[in-house]
Amino acid sequence: MFDARLRPLIDPPLNAMGRGLARAGITANQVTLAGLAIGLGGAVAIAERQFWLALALVIASRLLDGLDGAVARAGSKSDFGGYLDIVCDFAFYVAVPVGFGFADPANLPYALVLVACFTVTGISFLAFAVLAAQRGLETKAHGEKSFFYNTGLAEGAETIAFFLAMCLWPGGFWLLAAIFAALCVLTVVQRSFAARHVLKGGQ
């Protein structure tokens, strides 16, 4: 929901850092994989109930997730880079609730529901992107992307905000997970209506 509004604020410093990394010979794919590794480390820290460490690792991971696109724009973009970025994003999104499920067995039902909602939300996002590409639809509301990004209630900024809140308030994971799962479901409904309108769905 807030991703497009944040782009004008975060893109200039990210692009400056991205140009520096590209000049140093670091590739966008290396940044993407480093972000995933640190993010998975954050999930392990959550499972070990090291929540302050997890908080730092989640922030670092998402910084790198923003930087990989900036490095790609400064160097050379590739379709594989876009593929790798989205796969690593969803691997991270799933890993965090799984970490909370390991941290406390009482969290497990809520973690499973949140993972399921992430999965369906991701499917709605990618299905829309594939069909939009077939029709030649484009948007730069979220910056230059390899996929058509359809706006929804639950996007990257909201996901990270909830993950940080979970690390700061691990005892409230069940409530935060329930709220965010509901936002994911609403996002799927929203995207489905948008798909029917934009893609001219059948009767």
N, C-alpha and C. Protein backbone atom coordinates (compact mmCIF):
# COMPACT_ATOMS: atom_id res chain seq x y z
N MET A 1 0.82 -1.20 0.00
CA MET A 1 0.00 0.00 0.00
C MET A 1 0.86 1.27 0.00
N PHE A 2 1.96 1.23 0.77
CA PHE A 2 2.82 2.42 0.88
C PHE A 2 4.06 2.34 -0.01
N ASP A 3 4.28 1.23 -0.69
CA ASP A 3 5.52 1.06 -1.45
C ASP A 3 5.72 2.18 -2.48
N ALA A 4 4.67 2.45 -3.27
CA ALA A 4 4.80 3.45 -4.33
C ALA A 4 5.07 4.84 -3.76
N ARG A 5 4.49 5.14 -2.60
CA ARG A 5 4.69 6.45 -1.98
C ARG A 5 6.09 6.59 -1.39
N LEU A 6 6.68 5.46 -1.00
CA LEU A 6 8.02 5.51 -0.41
C LEU A 6 9.12 5.57 -1.45
N ARG A 7 8.81 5.17 -2.69
CA ARG A 7 9.86 5.10 -3.72
C ARG A 7 10.61 6.42 -3.90
N PRO A 8 9.90 7.56 -4.02
CA PRO A 8 10.63 8.83 -4.23
C PRO A 8 11.56 9.18 -3.07
N LEU A 9 11.28 8.65 -1.89
CA LEU A 9 12.11 8.95 -0.72
C LEU A 9 13.33 8.04 -0.62
N ILE A 10 13.13 6.76 -0.94
CA ILE A 10 14.21 5.80 -0.71
C ILE A 10 15.07 5.55 -1.95
N ASP A 11 14.53 5.84 -3.14
CA ASP A 11 15.30 5.55 -4.34
C ASP A 11 16.59 6.36 -4.49
N PRO A 12 16.58 7.69 -4.24
CA PRO A 12 17.83 8.45 -4.42
C PRO A 12 19.00 7.93 -3.60
N PRO A 13 18.86 7.70 -2.26
CA PRO A 13 20.02 7.17 -1.53
C PRO A 13 20.38 5.75 -1.95
N LEU A 14 19.36 4.91 -2.25
CA LEU A 14 19.66 3.55 -2.69
C LEU A 14 20.40 3.56 -4.02
N ASN A 15 19.97 4.42 -4.94
CA ASN A 15 20.64 4.49 -6.24
C ASN A 15 22.10 4.95 -6.10
N ALA A 16 22.33 5.88 -5.18
CA ALA A 16 23.71 6.35 -4.95
C ALA A 16 24.58 5.21 -4.42
N MET A 17 24.05 4.46 -3.45
CA MET A 17 24.80 3.32 -2.92
C MET A 17 24.96 2.23 -3.97
N GLY A 18 23.91 2.04 -4.78
CA GLY A 18 23.97 1.03 -5.83
C GLY A 18 25.05 1.33 -6.84
N ARG A 19 25.19 2.58 -7.21
CA ARG A 19 26.25 2.95 -8.16
C ARG A 19 27.62 2.67 -7.58
N GLY A 20 27.79 2.94 -6.29
CA GLY A 20 29.07 2.66 -5.64
C GLY A 20 29.39 1.18 -5.63
N LEU A 21 28.40 0.35 -5.32
CA LEU A 21 28.62 -1.10 -5.31
C LEU A 21 28.92 -1.62 -6.71
N ALA A 22 28.21 -1.09 -7.70
CA ALA A 22 28.44 -1.53 -9.08
C ALA A 22 29.86 -1.17 -9.53
N ARG A 23 30.32 0.01 -9.15
CA ARG A 23 31.69 0.41 -9.51
C ARG A 23 32.71 -0.49 -8.82
N ALA A 24 32.36 -1.02 -7.65
CA ALA A 24 33.27 -1.92 -6.93
C ALA A 24 33.25 -3.34 -7.49
N GLY A 25 32.43 -3.57 -8.49
CA GLY A 25 32.38 -4.89 -9.12
C GLY A 25 31.40 -5.85 -8.48
N ILE A 26 30.56 -5.37 -7.57
CA ILE A 26 29.56 -6.22 -6.93
C ILE A 26 28.32 -6.28 -7.80
N THR A 27 27.80 -7.47 -8.03
CA THR A 27 26.64 -7.63 -8.90
C THR A 27 25.34 -7.61 -8.10
N ALA A 28 24.26 -7.33 -8.82
CA ALA A 28 22.95 -7.29 -8.18
C ALA A 28 22.58 -8.66 -7.61
N ASN A 29 22.91 -9.72 -8.33
CA ASN A 29 22.57 -11.06 -7.85
C ASN A 29 23.32 -11.41 -6.57
N GLN A 30 24.55 -10.95 -6.45
CA GLN A 30 25.31 -11.17 -5.21
C GLN A 30 24.64 -10.46 -4.04
N VAL A 31 24.16 -9.25 -4.29
CA VAL A 31 23.46 -8.50 -3.24
C VAL A 31 22.17 -9.21 -2.85
N THR A 32 21.44 -9.71 -3.86
CA THR A 32 20.19 -10.43 -3.59
C THR A 32 20.43 -11.64 -2.70
N LEU A 33 21.44 -12.43 -3.06
CA LEU A 33 21.73 -13.65 -2.30
C LEU A 33 22.24 -13.32 -0.90
N ALA A 34 23.01 -12.25 -0.78
CA ALA A 34 23.48 -11.84 0.54
C ALA A 34 22.30 -11.42 1.41
N GLY A 35 21.35 -10.71 0.81
CA GLY A 35 20.16 -10.31 1.54
C GLY A 35 19.36 -11.50 2.02
N LEU A 36 19.23 -12.52 1.16
CA LEU A 36 18.52 -13.73 1.56
C LEU A 36 19.24 -14.43 2.70
N ALA A 37 20.56 -14.58 2.59
CA ALA A 37 21.33 -15.27 3.63
C ALA A 37 21.17 -14.57 4.98
N ILE A 38 21.25 -13.24 4.97
CA ILE A 38 21.11 -12.49 6.22
C ILE A 38 19.68 -12.61 6.74
N GLY A 39 18.71 -12.57 5.83
CA GLY A 39 17.32 -12.72 6.25
C GLY A 39 17.03 -14.08 6.86
N LEU A 40 17.59 -15.13 6.26
CA LEU A 40 17.42 -16.46 6.84
C LEU A 40 18.12 -16.55 8.19
N GLY A 41 19.25 -15.85 8.31
CA GLY A 41 19.91 -15.77 9.61
C GLY A 41 19.01 -15.12 10.64
N GLY A 42 18.25 -14.11 10.21
CA GLY A 42 17.29 -13.48 11.10
C GLY A 42 16.21 -14.44 11.54
N ALA A 43 15.74 -15.29 10.61
CA ALA A 43 14.73 -16.29 10.95
C ALA A 43 15.27 -17.30 11.97
N VAL A 44 16.54 -17.69 11.80
CA VAL A 44 17.17 -18.60 12.76
C VAL A 44 17.28 -17.92 14.12
N ALA A 45 17.65 -16.64 14.13
CA ALA A 45 17.74 -15.90 15.39
C ALA A 45 16.37 -15.84 16.08
N ILE A 46 15.31 -15.69 15.30
CA ILE A 46 13.97 -15.71 15.88
C ILE A 46 13.68 -17.06 16.51
N ALA A 47 14.01 -18.12 15.78
CA ALA A 47 13.78 -19.47 16.32
C ALA A 47 14.54 -19.69 17.62
N GLU A 48 15.70 -19.05 17.74
CA GLU A 48 16.51 -19.16 18.96
C GLU A 48 16.12 -18.12 20.01
N ARG A 49 15.07 -17.36 19.71
CA ARG A 49 14.55 -16.34 20.62
C ARG A 49 15.56 -15.21 20.86
N GLN A 50 16.40 -14.95 19.87
CA GLN A 50 17.33 -13.83 19.92
C GLN A 50 16.71 -12.68 19.12
N PHE A 51 15.69 -12.06 19.68
CA PHE A 51 14.84 -11.17 18.91
C PHE A 51 15.51 -9.85 18.54
N TRP A 52 16.40 -9.35 19.39
CA TRP A 52 17.10 -8.11 19.03
C TRP A 52 18.08 -8.35 17.89
N LEU A 53 18.76 -9.48 17.92
CA LEU A 53 19.62 -9.84 16.81
C LEU A 53 18.80 -10.02 15.54
N ALA A 54 17.67 -10.68 15.68
CA ALA A 54 16.79 -10.88 14.53
C ALA A 54 16.34 -9.54 13.94
N LEU A 55 16.02 -8.60 14.81
CA LEU A 55 15.60 -7.27 14.35
C LEU A 55 16.68 -6.64 13.47
N ALA A 56 17.93 -6.69 13.94
CA ALA A 56 19.03 -6.10 13.17
C ALA A 56 19.24 -6.82 11.84
N LEU A 57 19.13 -8.15 11.85
CA LEU A 57 19.34 -8.92 10.63
C LEU A 57 18.22 -8.70 9.63
N VAL A 58 16.99 -8.57 10.10
CA VAL A 58 15.87 -8.30 9.20
C VAL A 58 16.05 -6.93 8.54
N ILE A 59 16.44 -5.93 9.31
CA ILE A 59 16.66 -4.60 8.74
C ILE A 59 17.77 -4.65 7.69
N ALA A 60 18.90 -5.32 8.02
CA ALA A 60 20.02 -5.41 7.08
C ALA A 60 19.60 -6.16 5.82
N SER A 61 18.83 -7.22 5.99
CA SER A 61 18.38 -8.01 4.84
C SER A 61 17.53 -7.18 3.89
N ARG A 62 16.62 -6.40 4.45
CA ARG A 62 15.73 -5.61 3.59
C ARG A 62 16.45 -4.43 2.97
N LEU A 63 17.49 -3.92 3.62
CA LEU A 63 18.31 -2.89 3.00
C LEU A 63 18.98 -3.45 1.74
N LEU A 64 19.51 -4.66 1.86
CA LEU A 64 20.13 -5.29 0.70
C LEU A 64 19.09 -5.60 -0.38
N ASP A 65 17.88 -5.93 0.04
CA ASP A 65 16.83 -6.20 -0.94
C ASP A 65 16.51 -4.95 -1.75
N GLY A 66 16.59 -3.79 -1.12
CA GLY A 66 16.40 -2.55 -1.86
C GLY A 66 17.60 -2.20 -2.72
N LEU A 67 18.79 -2.58 -2.24
CA LEU A 67 20.01 -2.24 -2.97
C LEU A 67 20.21 -3.06 -4.24
N ASP A 68 19.71 -4.29 -4.27
CA ASP A 68 19.98 -5.12 -5.45
C ASP A 68 19.42 -4.49 -6.72
N GLY A 69 18.23 -3.91 -6.62
CA GLY A 69 17.66 -3.24 -7.78
C GLY A 69 18.47 -2.02 -8.19
N ALA A 70 18.97 -1.29 -7.19
CA ALA A 70 19.79 -0.11 -7.49
C ALA A 70 21.09 -0.51 -8.18
N VAL A 71 21.71 -1.60 -7.72
CA VAL A 71 22.93 -2.10 -8.37
C VAL A 71 22.63 -2.53 -9.80
N ALA A 72 21.48 -3.19 -9.99
CA ALA A 72 21.09 -3.63 -11.34
C ALA A 72 20.89 -2.44 -12.26
N ARG A 73 20.26 -1.39 -11.77
CA ARG A 73 20.04 -0.20 -12.60
C ARG A 73 21.35 0.49 -12.94
N ALA A 74 22.31 0.40 -12.02
CA ALA A 74 23.61 1.04 -12.26
C ALA A 74 24.48 0.20 -13.19
N GLY A 75 24.21 -1.10 -13.26
CA GLY A 75 25.00 -1.99 -14.12
C GLY A 75 24.17 -2.49 -15.28
N SER A 76 23.80 -3.75 -15.19
CA SER A 76 22.97 -4.34 -16.25
C SER A 76 21.89 -5.21 -15.62
N LYS A 77 20.65 -4.93 -16.00
CA LYS A 77 19.53 -5.70 -15.49
C LYS A 77 19.36 -6.98 -16.31
N SER A 78 18.81 -8.00 -15.67
CA SER A 78 18.54 -9.25 -16.38
C SER A 78 17.24 -9.85 -15.89
N ASP A 79 16.61 -10.63 -16.74
CA ASP A 79 15.38 -11.31 -16.34
C ASP A 79 15.65 -12.29 -15.21
N PHE A 80 16.83 -12.95 -15.25
CA PHE A 80 17.15 -13.89 -14.18
C PHE A 80 17.29 -13.16 -12.86
N GLY A 81 17.84 -11.96 -12.89
CA GLY A 81 17.96 -11.17 -11.67
C GLY A 81 16.60 -10.88 -11.07
N GLY A 82 15.63 -10.55 -11.92
CA GLY A 82 14.28 -10.31 -11.44
C GLY A 82 13.66 -11.56 -10.85
N TYR A 83 13.91 -12.70 -11.52
CA TYR A 83 13.41 -13.98 -11.01
C TYR A 83 14.03 -14.29 -9.65
N LEU A 84 15.35 -14.12 -9.55
CA LEU A 84 16.04 -14.43 -8.30
C LEU A 84 15.55 -13.53 -7.17
N ASP A 85 15.31 -12.29 -7.47
CA ASP A 85 14.87 -11.33 -6.46
C ASP A 85 13.52 -11.74 -5.87
N ILE A 86 12.57 -12.11 -6.71
CA ILE A 86 11.24 -12.43 -6.19
C ILE A 86 11.25 -13.75 -5.45
N VAL A 87 12.04 -14.73 -5.91
CA VAL A 87 12.14 -16.01 -5.20
C VAL A 87 12.75 -15.81 -3.82
N CYS A 88 13.80 -15.01 -3.76
CA CYS A 88 14.45 -14.76 -2.46
C CYS A 88 13.54 -13.96 -1.53
N ASP A 89 12.77 -13.04 -2.09
CA ASP A 89 11.84 -12.28 -1.27
C ASP A 89 10.85 -13.20 -0.57
N PHE A 90 10.23 -14.10 -1.34
CA PHE A 90 9.21 -14.95 -0.76
C PHE A 90 9.81 -16.02 0.15
N ALA A 91 11.04 -16.43 -0.13
CA ALA A 91 11.72 -17.35 0.79
C ALA A 91 11.91 -16.67 2.14
N PHE A 92 12.29 -15.42 2.12
CA PHE A 92 12.45 -14.66 3.37
C PHE A 92 11.11 -14.45 4.06
N TYR A 93 10.09 -14.08 3.30
CA TYR A 93 8.77 -13.83 3.89
C TYR A 93 8.24 -15.07 4.61
N VAL A 94 8.49 -16.24 4.05
CA VAL A 94 8.02 -17.48 4.66
C VAL A 94 8.88 -17.86 5.87
N ALA A 95 10.18 -17.58 5.78
CA ALA A 95 11.11 -18.02 6.83
C ALA A 95 10.83 -17.34 8.17
N VAL A 96 10.44 -16.07 8.14
CA VAL A 96 10.24 -15.35 9.40
C VAL A 96 9.11 -15.94 10.25
N PRO A 97 7.90 -16.14 9.71
CA PRO A 97 6.88 -16.79 10.54
C PRO A 97 7.24 -18.21 10.95
N VAL A 98 7.96 -18.92 10.09
CA VAL A 98 8.41 -20.26 10.47
C VAL A 98 9.34 -20.16 11.69
N GLY A 99 10.20 -19.15 11.71
CA GLY A 99 11.07 -18.94 12.86
C GLY A 99 10.28 -18.73 14.14
N PHE A 100 9.21 -17.93 14.05
CA PHE A 100 8.37 -17.72 15.23
C PHE A 100 7.66 -19.01 15.64
N GLY A 101 7.32 -19.85 14.67
CA GLY A 101 6.71 -21.13 15.00
C GLY A 101 7.65 -22.03 15.78
N PHE A 102 8.94 -21.99 15.45
CA PHE A 102 9.93 -22.76 16.20
C PHE A 102 10.22 -22.13 17.56
N ALA A 103 10.12 -20.80 17.63
CA ALA A 103 10.44 -20.11 18.89
C ALA A 103 9.47 -20.48 20.01
N ASP A 104 8.22 -20.71 19.64
CA ASP A 104 7.21 -21.02 20.65
C ASP A 104 6.13 -21.88 20.00
N PRO A 105 5.92 -23.10 20.47
CA PRO A 105 4.89 -23.97 19.86
C PRO A 105 3.51 -23.33 19.81
N ALA A 106 3.23 -22.42 20.74
CA ALA A 106 1.93 -21.75 20.72
C ALA A 106 1.75 -20.87 19.49
N ASN A 107 2.89 -20.46 18.90
CA ASN A 107 2.84 -19.62 17.70
C ASN A 107 2.54 -20.42 16.43
N LEU A 108 2.72 -21.73 16.48
CA LEU A 108 2.70 -22.54 15.27
C LEU A 108 1.43 -22.40 14.44
N PRO A 109 0.23 -22.47 15.03
CA PRO A 109 -0.98 -22.34 14.19
C PRO A 109 -1.03 -21.00 13.45
N TYR A 110 -0.64 -19.93 14.13
CA TYR A 110 -0.66 -18.60 13.52
C TYR A 110 0.41 -18.48 12.44
N ALA A 111 1.57 -19.10 12.69
CA ALA A 111 2.63 -19.09 11.69
C ALA A 111 2.20 -19.83 10.43
N LEU A 112 1.53 -20.97 10.60
CA LEU A 112 1.07 -21.75 9.44
C LEU A 112 0.05 -20.97 8.64
N VAL A 113 -0.88 -20.31 9.33
CA VAL A 113 -1.90 -19.52 8.64
C VAL A 113 -1.24 -18.37 7.87
N LEU A 114 -0.26 -17.72 8.50
CA LEU A 114 0.40 -16.60 7.84
C LEU A 114 1.18 -17.07 6.62
N VAL A 115 1.87 -18.20 6.72
CA VAL A 115 2.59 -18.76 5.57
C VAL A 115 1.61 -19.07 4.43
N ALA A 116 0.46 -19.65 4.78
CA ALA A 116 -0.54 -19.96 3.77
C ALA A 116 -1.03 -18.69 3.08
N CYS A 117 -1.26 -17.65 3.87
CA CYS A 117 -1.74 -16.39 3.30
C CYS A 117 -0.67 -15.74 2.43
N PHE A 118 0.60 -15.82 2.86
CA PHE A 118 1.70 -15.33 2.03
C PHE A 118 1.71 -16.05 0.68
N THR A 119 1.49 -17.36 0.73
CA THR A 119 1.53 -18.16 -0.49
C THR A 119 0.45 -17.72 -1.47
N VAL A 120 -0.76 -17.58 -0.99
CA VAL A 120 -1.86 -17.18 -1.88
C VAL A 120 -1.66 -15.74 -2.38
N THR A 121 -1.16 -14.87 -1.50
CA THR A 121 -0.89 -13.49 -1.92
C THR A 121 0.17 -13.47 -3.01
N GLY A 122 1.22 -14.28 -2.84
CA GLY A 122 2.27 -14.36 -3.86
C GLY A 122 1.75 -14.89 -5.17
N ILE A 123 0.87 -15.88 -5.11
CA ILE A 123 0.28 -16.43 -6.34
C ILE A 123 -0.54 -15.36 -7.06
N SER A 124 -1.33 -14.60 -6.30
CA SER A 124 -2.15 -13.55 -6.93
C SER A 124 -1.26 -12.50 -7.58
N PHE A 125 -0.16 -12.16 -6.92
CA PHE A 125 0.77 -11.17 -7.46
C PHE A 125 1.41 -11.66 -8.76
N LEU A 126 1.91 -12.90 -8.74
CA LEU A 126 2.62 -13.42 -9.91
C LEU A 126 1.67 -13.73 -11.06
N ALA A 127 0.46 -14.23 -10.75
CA ALA A 127 -0.51 -14.51 -11.81
C ALA A 127 -0.90 -13.22 -12.52
N PHE A 128 -1.13 -12.16 -11.75
CA PHE A 128 -1.45 -10.87 -12.35
C PHE A 128 -0.29 -10.38 -13.21
N ALA A 129 0.94 -10.52 -12.70
CA ALA A 129 2.11 -10.05 -13.42
C ALA A 129 2.28 -10.77 -14.75
N VAL A 130 2.07 -12.10 -14.76
CA VAL A 130 2.22 -12.88 -15.99
C VAL A 130 1.21 -12.43 -17.03
N LEU A 131 -0.06 -12.31 -16.63
CA LEU A 131 -1.10 -11.93 -17.57
C LEU A 131 -0.96 -10.49 -18.02
N ALA A 132 -0.49 -9.61 -17.12
CA ALA A 132 -0.25 -8.23 -17.50
C ALA A 132 0.85 -8.14 -18.54
N ALA A 133 1.91 -8.96 -18.37
CA ALA A 133 3.00 -8.98 -19.34
C ALA A 133 2.52 -9.46 -20.70
N GLN A 134 1.63 -10.45 -20.71
CA GLN A 134 1.10 -10.96 -21.97
C GLN A 134 0.33 -9.88 -22.72
N ARG A 135 -0.29 -8.98 -21.98
CA ARG A 135 -1.06 -7.89 -22.59
C ARG A 135 -0.24 -6.63 -22.81
N GLY A 136 1.03 -6.67 -22.45
CA GLY A 136 1.90 -5.52 -22.65
C GLY A 136 1.66 -4.39 -21.68
N LEU A 137 1.06 -4.68 -20.53
CA LEU A 137 0.80 -3.64 -19.53
C LEU A 137 2.08 -3.32 -18.78
N GLU A 138 2.28 -2.04 -18.47
CA GLU A 138 3.47 -1.61 -17.74
C GLU A 138 3.10 -0.59 -16.67
N THR A 139 3.88 -0.55 -15.62
CA THR A 139 3.73 0.47 -14.59
C THR A 139 5.09 0.70 -13.94
N LYS A 140 5.35 1.97 -13.57
CA LYS A 140 6.58 2.32 -12.85
C LYS A 140 6.26 2.93 -11.49
N ALA A 141 5.04 2.64 -11.00
CA ALA A 141 4.63 3.19 -9.71
C ALA A 141 5.53 2.71 -8.58
N HIS A 142 6.11 1.49 -8.76
CA HIS A 142 7.00 0.93 -7.75
C HIS A 142 8.46 0.97 -8.20
N GLY A 143 8.76 1.86 -9.14
CA GLY A 143 10.10 1.92 -9.70
C GLY A 143 10.23 0.95 -10.86
N GLU A 144 11.45 0.83 -11.38
CA GLU A 144 11.69 -0.08 -12.49
C GLU A 144 11.79 -1.51 -11.96
N LYS A 145 10.86 -2.35 -12.40
CA LYS A 145 10.79 -3.72 -11.92
C LYS A 145 10.77 -4.69 -13.09
N SER A 146 11.14 -5.94 -12.79
CA SER A 146 11.09 -6.97 -13.82
C SER A 146 9.67 -7.49 -14.01
N PHE A 147 8.81 -7.26 -13.01
CA PHE A 147 7.44 -7.74 -13.04
C PHE A 147 6.49 -6.54 -12.98
N PHE A 148 5.25 -6.77 -13.44
CA PHE A 148 4.20 -5.79 -13.24
C PHE A 148 3.78 -5.85 -11.78
N TYR A 149 3.97 -4.76 -11.06
CA TYR A 149 3.64 -4.73 -9.63
C TYR A 149 2.25 -4.14 -9.45
N ASN A 150 1.31 -4.98 -9.08
CA ASN A 150 -0.05 -4.54 -8.80
C ASN A 150 -0.16 -4.14 -7.34
N THR A 151 -0.58 -2.91 -7.08
CA THR A 151 -0.65 -2.40 -5.72
C THR A 151 -1.66 -3.19 -4.88
N GLY A 152 -1.33 -3.39 -3.62
CA GLY A 152 -2.24 -4.09 -2.71
C GLY A 152 -2.08 -3.56 -1.30
N LEU A 153 -2.99 -3.95 -0.42
CA LEU A 153 -2.92 -3.52 0.97
C LEU A 153 -1.65 -4.03 1.65
N ALA A 154 -1.27 -5.27 1.35
CA ALA A 154 -0.09 -5.89 1.96
C ALA A 154 1.02 -5.98 0.92
N GLU A 155 1.97 -5.06 1.00
CA GLU A 155 3.12 -5.06 0.09
C GLU A 155 4.39 -5.18 0.93
N GLY A 156 5.51 -4.85 0.32
CA GLY A 156 6.78 -5.01 1.00
C GLY A 156 6.91 -4.18 2.26
N ALA A 157 6.52 -2.90 2.19
CA ALA A 157 6.68 -2.02 3.35
C ALA A 157 5.85 -2.51 4.53
N GLU A 158 4.62 -2.93 4.25
CA GLU A 158 3.77 -3.42 5.33
C GLU A 158 4.31 -4.72 5.92
N THR A 159 4.82 -5.58 5.05
CA THR A 159 5.39 -6.85 5.52
C THR A 159 6.55 -6.60 6.48
N ILE A 160 7.45 -5.72 6.08
CA ILE A 160 8.62 -5.44 6.92
C ILE A 160 8.19 -4.77 8.21
N ALA A 161 7.21 -3.87 8.15
CA ALA A 161 6.75 -3.21 9.36
C ALA A 161 6.20 -4.23 10.36
N PHE A 162 5.43 -5.21 9.87
CA PHE A 162 4.90 -6.23 10.77
C PHE A 162 6.00 -7.14 11.29
N PHE A 163 6.97 -7.48 10.44
CA PHE A 163 8.08 -8.32 10.92
C PHE A 163 8.87 -7.61 12.01
N LEU A 164 9.12 -6.32 11.83
CA LEU A 164 9.85 -5.58 12.86
C LEU A 164 9.04 -5.50 14.14
N ALA A 165 7.73 -5.29 14.00
CA ALA A 165 6.87 -5.25 15.19
C ALA A 165 6.88 -6.59 15.91
N MET A 166 6.91 -7.68 15.15
CA MET A 166 6.95 -9.02 15.76
C MET A 166 8.24 -9.22 16.55
N CYS A 167 9.35 -8.72 15.99
CA CYS A 167 10.63 -8.85 16.70
C CYS A 167 10.65 -8.00 17.98
N LEU A 168 10.01 -6.84 17.92
CA LEU A 168 9.97 -5.96 19.08
C LEU A 168 8.97 -6.43 20.13
N TRP A 169 7.93 -7.14 19.67
CA TRP A 169 6.88 -7.62 20.57
C TRP A 169 6.60 -9.09 20.27
N PRO A 170 7.55 -9.97 20.55
CA PRO A 170 7.37 -11.39 20.20
C PRO A 170 6.18 -12.04 20.89
N GLY A 171 5.83 -11.54 22.08
CA GLY A 171 4.67 -12.09 22.77
C GLY A 171 3.37 -11.81 22.05
N GLY A 172 3.37 -10.81 21.20
CA GLY A 172 2.16 -10.46 20.45
C GLY A 172 2.16 -11.02 19.04
N PHE A 173 3.04 -12.00 18.77
CA PHE A 173 3.13 -12.56 17.42
C PHE A 173 1.78 -13.04 16.92
N TRP A 174 1.04 -13.75 17.80
CA TRP A 174 -0.22 -14.33 17.37
C TRP A 174 -1.19 -13.27 16.87
N LEU A 175 -1.23 -12.12 17.56
CA LEU A 175 -2.14 -11.05 17.17
C LEU A 175 -1.67 -10.37 15.88
N LEU A 176 -0.38 -10.06 15.82
CA LEU A 176 0.17 -9.42 14.63
C LEU A 176 0.04 -10.33 13.41
N ALA A 177 0.28 -11.63 13.61
CA ALA A 177 0.15 -12.58 12.50
C ALA A 177 -1.29 -12.66 12.01
N ALA A 178 -2.24 -12.65 12.94
CA ALA A 178 -3.65 -12.71 12.57
C ALA A 178 -4.07 -11.47 11.79
N ILE A 179 -3.61 -10.31 12.25
CA ILE A 179 -3.95 -9.06 11.55
C ILE A 179 -3.35 -9.05 10.15
N PHE A 180 -2.07 -9.46 10.07
CA PHE A 180 -1.43 -9.40 8.76
C PHE A 180 -1.98 -10.46 7.81
N ALA A 181 -2.34 -11.62 8.34
CA ALA A 181 -2.98 -12.64 7.50
C ALA A 181 -4.27 -12.10 6.91
N ALA A 182 -5.05 -11.37 7.72
CA ALA A 182 -6.29 -10.77 7.22
C ALA A 182 -6.00 -9.75 6.13
N LEU A 183 -4.94 -8.95 6.29
CA LEU A 183 -4.55 -8.00 5.25
C LEU A 183 -4.16 -8.71 3.96
N CYS A 184 -3.48 -9.85 4.10
CA CYS A 184 -3.11 -10.63 2.92
C CYS A 184 -4.35 -11.13 2.18
N VAL A 185 -5.33 -11.61 2.92
CA VAL A 185 -6.57 -12.09 2.30
C VAL A 185 -7.28 -10.94 1.59
N LEU A 186 -7.34 -9.77 2.22
CA LEU A 186 -7.96 -8.62 1.59
C LEU A 186 -7.20 -8.20 0.33
N THR A 187 -5.87 -8.35 0.37
CA THR A 187 -5.06 -8.03 -0.81
C THR A 187 -5.39 -8.95 -1.97
N VAL A 188 -5.57 -10.24 -1.69
CA VAL A 188 -5.94 -11.19 -2.74
C VAL A 188 -7.29 -10.82 -3.35
N VAL A 189 -8.25 -10.47 -2.49
CA VAL A 189 -9.58 -10.06 -2.98
C VAL A 189 -9.45 -8.80 -3.82
N GLN A 190 -8.67 -7.83 -3.34
CA GLN A 190 -8.47 -6.58 -4.07
C GLN A 190 -7.85 -6.84 -5.43
N ARG A 191 -6.81 -7.67 -5.46
CA ARG A 191 -6.15 -7.96 -6.74
C ARG A 191 -7.05 -8.73 -7.68
N SER A 192 -7.90 -9.57 -7.13
CA SER A 192 -8.82 -10.33 -7.97
C SER A 192 -9.82 -9.41 -8.67
N PHE A 193 -10.33 -8.43 -7.92
CA PHE A 193 -11.23 -7.45 -8.55
C PHE A 193 -10.48 -6.63 -9.59
N ALA A 194 -9.23 -6.24 -9.27
CA ALA A 194 -8.43 -5.48 -10.23
C ALA A 194 -8.15 -6.30 -11.48
N ALA A 195 -7.86 -7.60 -11.28
CA ALA A 195 -7.60 -8.47 -12.43
C ALA A 195 -8.84 -8.57 -13.31
N ARG A 196 -10.01 -8.69 -12.69
CA ARG A 196 -11.25 -8.79 -13.47
C ARG A 196 -11.47 -7.52 -14.29
N HIS A 197 -11.14 -6.37 -13.69
CA HIS A 197 -11.33 -5.09 -14.38
C HIS A 197 -10.27 -4.86 -15.46
N VAL A 198 -9.01 -5.01 -15.08
CA VAL A 198 -7.91 -4.69 -16.00
C VAL A 198 -7.74 -5.74 -17.08
N LEU A 199 -7.88 -7.00 -16.69
CA LEU A 199 -7.64 -8.08 -17.64
C LEU A 199 -8.92 -8.54 -18.33
N LYS A 200 -10.01 -7.86 -18.07
CA LYS A 200 -11.28 -8.18 -18.72
C LYS A 200 -11.67 -9.63 -18.51
N GLY A 201 -11.84 -10.01 -17.24
CA GLY A 201 -12.17 -11.39 -16.91
C GLY A 201 -13.49 -11.83 -17.50
N GLY A 202 -13.69 -13.14 -17.50
CA GLY A 202 -14.90 -13.70 -18.08
C GLY A 202 -16.09 -13.47 -17.18
N GLN A 203 -17.24 -14.01 -17.58
CA GLN A 203 -18.48 -13.80 -16.83
C GLN A 203 -18.43 -14.56 -15.51
